[in-house]
Amino acid sequence: MKVSRGLLLFGWAAALLAGAAESVAAQPGTAGGAEVKMVQVAEAQLDLKVTASCDGKVAIFQIVNAGDRWPGAGAIKIVRAVDKSTISQRSIRMAASQQATFRVSERMNPGDEVGLFVEPTWYQRAMTFDATVSCP
């Protein structure tokens, strides 16, 4: 399994907002024998912790809002890394400390690297992957 910082979204049950200046800290670990990578996204108006992992051939993204309640909805996008085509997108408004988990089944993504990107509606954010994972 390959996990790296990037963008892509999908799931349900999460959180984000707050912070200042983007910082990214990746912490590899293991969960059930699979590699897990955590990324911290801290910007002036968005503070998230994103974890990417695999359960067999299923990609799993978990988002935790480490900041305040979002002032509006944000789009969580799950995308194929190779061509940035959208696999799934969900609109969500997260409370402080809220968590959301998104799963990408093998049927929806047969082995490609996928990424997650959070796109807030309350400010413009460059499209960069918040996390990516490959579950061949």
Foldseek 3Di string as FASTA:
>chain_A
DDKDFKAFFFWFKEAKWAADDFDWDWDWDDDPRWIKIWIWGGHHTITKIWIWIDDQQKIKIKIWHQDAWHPAWKKKFKAQPVPRHTLDIDIDTHHHGMMIMGIQDCVSPVFTKMFIHIGDPVDGDDHIGRMIDTRD
